[in-house]
Amino acid sequence: MENVAGEKTLIFRISELCQIINACRSNGRNPNQYYDELEILLECYEQSKAKEPSDEDADSKFLLASLR
């Protein structure tokens, strides 16, 4: 998928991002250059989740991450 700027865009489920980040943490490696961006996205999600009432379908929320 491409966005308006012509950059490739990936769509992740929140749970998928959490699994990627936790896998990186557990093995102590940084497998790709997007790790830091994923950390920031997860932190933003956790902050927004704390502000929202919890709903049962949290995994249905998606994030977009643009590849540079």
C-alpha atoms as a PDB file:
ATOM      1  CA  MET A   1       0.000   0.000   0.000  1.00  0.00           C
ATOM      2  CA  GLU A   2       1.337   3.494  -0.770  1.00  0.00           C
ATOM      3  CA  ASN A   3       0.339   6.737   0.883  1.00  0.00           C
ATOM      4  CA  VAL A   4       0.079  10.180  -0.728  1.00  0.00           C
ATOM      5  CA  ALA A   5       3.812  10.851  -0.413  1.00  0.00           C
ATOM      6  CA  GLY A   6       4.559   7.610  -2.249  1.00  0.00           C
ATOM      7  CA  GLU A   7       6.010   5.950   0.842  1.00  0.00           C
ATOM      8  CA  LYS A   8       5.136   2.349   1.522  1.00  0.00           C
ATOM      9  CA  THR A   9       2.746   1.952   4.434  1.00  0.00           C
ATOM     10  CA  LEU A  10       2.287  -1.085   6.631  1.00  0.00           C
ATOM     11  CA  ILE A  11      -0.774  -1.709   8.763  1.00  0.00           C
ATOM     12  CA  PHE A  12      -0.201  -3.419  12.107  1.00  0.00           C
ATOM     13  CA  ARG A  13      -2.557  -4.682  14.756  1.00  0.00           C
ATOM     14  CA  ILE A  14      -1.638  -3.411  18.199  1.00  0.00           C
ATOM     15  CA  SER A  15      -1.089  -7.003  19.337  1.00  0.00           C
ATOM     16  CA  GLU A  16       1.345  -7.600  16.463  1.00  0.00           C
ATOM     17  CA  LEU A  17       3.408  -4.553  17.438  1.00  0.00           C
ATOM     18  CA  CYS A  18       3.514  -5.751  21.032  1.00  0.00           C
ATOM     19  CA  GLN A  19       4.714  -9.190  19.916  1.00  0.00           C
ATOM     20  CA  ILE A  20       7.465  -7.672  17.742  1.00  0.00           C
ATOM     21  CA  ILE A  21       8.695  -5.399  20.523  1.00  0.00           C
ATOM     22  CA  ASN A  22       8.529  -8.104  23.186  1.00  0.00           C
ATOM     23  CA  ALA A  23      10.425 -10.531  20.931  1.00  0.00           C
ATOM     24  CA  CYS A  24      13.162  -7.907  20.474  1.00  0.00           C
ATOM     25  CA  ARG A  25      13.351  -7.333  24.216  1.00  0.00           C
ATOM     26  CA  SER A  26      13.437 -11.023  25.108  1.00  0.00           C
ATOM     27  CA  ASN A  27      16.365 -11.899  22.867  1.00  0.00           C
ATOM     28  CA  GLY A  28      18.275  -8.656  23.459  1.00  0.00           C
ATOM     29  CA  ARG A  29      18.631  -7.919  19.761  1.00  0.00           C
ATOM     30  CA  ASN A  30      17.456  -5.107  17.540  1.00  0.00           C
ATOM     31  CA  PRO A  31      16.444  -7.021  14.385  1.00  0.00           C
ATOM     32  CA  ASN A  32      15.488  -4.033  12.259  1.00  0.00           C
ATOM     33  CA  GLN A  33      15.753  -0.290  11.981  1.00  0.00           C
ATOM     34  CA  TYR A  34      12.097   0.260  12.925  1.00  0.00           C
ATOM     35  CA  TYR A  35      12.451  -0.976  16.498  1.00  0.00           C
ATOM     36  CA  ASP A  36      12.714   2.522  18.007  1.00  0.00           C
ATOM     37  CA  GLU A  37       9.672   3.697  16.030  1.00  0.00           C
ATOM     38  CA  LEU A  38       7.709   0.670  17.242  1.00  0.00           C
ATOM     39  CA  GLU A  39       8.678   1.492  20.833  1.00  0.00           C
ATOM     40  CA  ILE A  40       7.340   5.041  20.401  1.00  0.00           C
ATOM     41  CA  LEU A  41       4.112   3.785  18.820  1.00  0.00           C
ATOM     42  CA  LEU A  42       3.585   1.340  21.677  1.00  0.00           C
ATOM     43  CA  GLU A  43       4.184   4.052  24.283  1.00  0.00           C
ATOM     44  CA  CYS A  44       1.652   6.337  22.555  1.00  0.00           C
ATOM     45  CA  TYR A  45      -0.849   3.485  22.412  1.00  0.00           C
ATOM     46  CA  GLU A  46      -0.390   2.666  26.093  1.00  0.00           C
ATOM     47  CA  GLN A  47      -0.909   6.343  27.013  1.00  0.00           C
ATOM     48  CA  SER A  48      -4.043   6.607  24.882  1.00  0.00           C
ATOM     49  CA  LYS A  49      -5.340   3.301  26.273  1.00  0.00           C
ATOM     50  CA  ALA A  50      -4.993   4.665  29.807  1.00  0.00           C
ATOM     51  CA  LYS A  51      -7.132   7.670  28.856  1.00  0.00           C
ATOM     52  CA  GLU A  52      -9.880   5.642  27.127  1.00  0.00           C
ATOM     53  CA  PRO A  53     -12.365   3.364  28.834  1.00  0.00           C
ATOM     54  CA  SER A  54     -11.299  -0.184  28.074  1.00  0.00           C
ATOM     55  CA  ASP A  55     -13.259  -1.933  25.388  1.00  0.00           C
ATOM     56  CA  GLU A  56     -13.267  -5.627  24.590  1.00  0.00           C
ATOM     57  CA  ASP A  57     -12.178  -5.130  20.986  1.00  0.00           C
ATOM     58  CA  ALA A  58      -8.848  -3.357  21.575  1.00  0.00           C
ATOM     59  CA  ASP A  59      -7.078  -5.551  19.014  1.00  0.00           C
ATOM     60  CA  SER A  60      -9.341  -4.243  16.289  1.00  0.00           C
ATOM     61  CA  LYS A  61      -7.497  -0.926  16.479  1.00  0.00           C
ATOM     62  CA  PHE A  62      -4.799  -0.505  13.862  1.00  0.00           C
ATOM     63  CA  LEU A  63      -1.716   1.684  13.526  1.00  0.00           C
ATOM     64  CA  LEU A  64      -0.070   2.836  10.337  1.00  0.00           C
ATOM     65  CA  ALA A  65       3.699   2.929  10.133  1.00  0.00           C
ATOM     66  CA  SER A  66       5.383   4.566   7.158  1.00  0.00           C
ATOM     67  CA  LEU A  67       8.632   3.126   5.906  1.00  0.00           C
ATOM     68  CA  ARG A  68      11.282   5.676   5.053  1.00  0.00           C
END
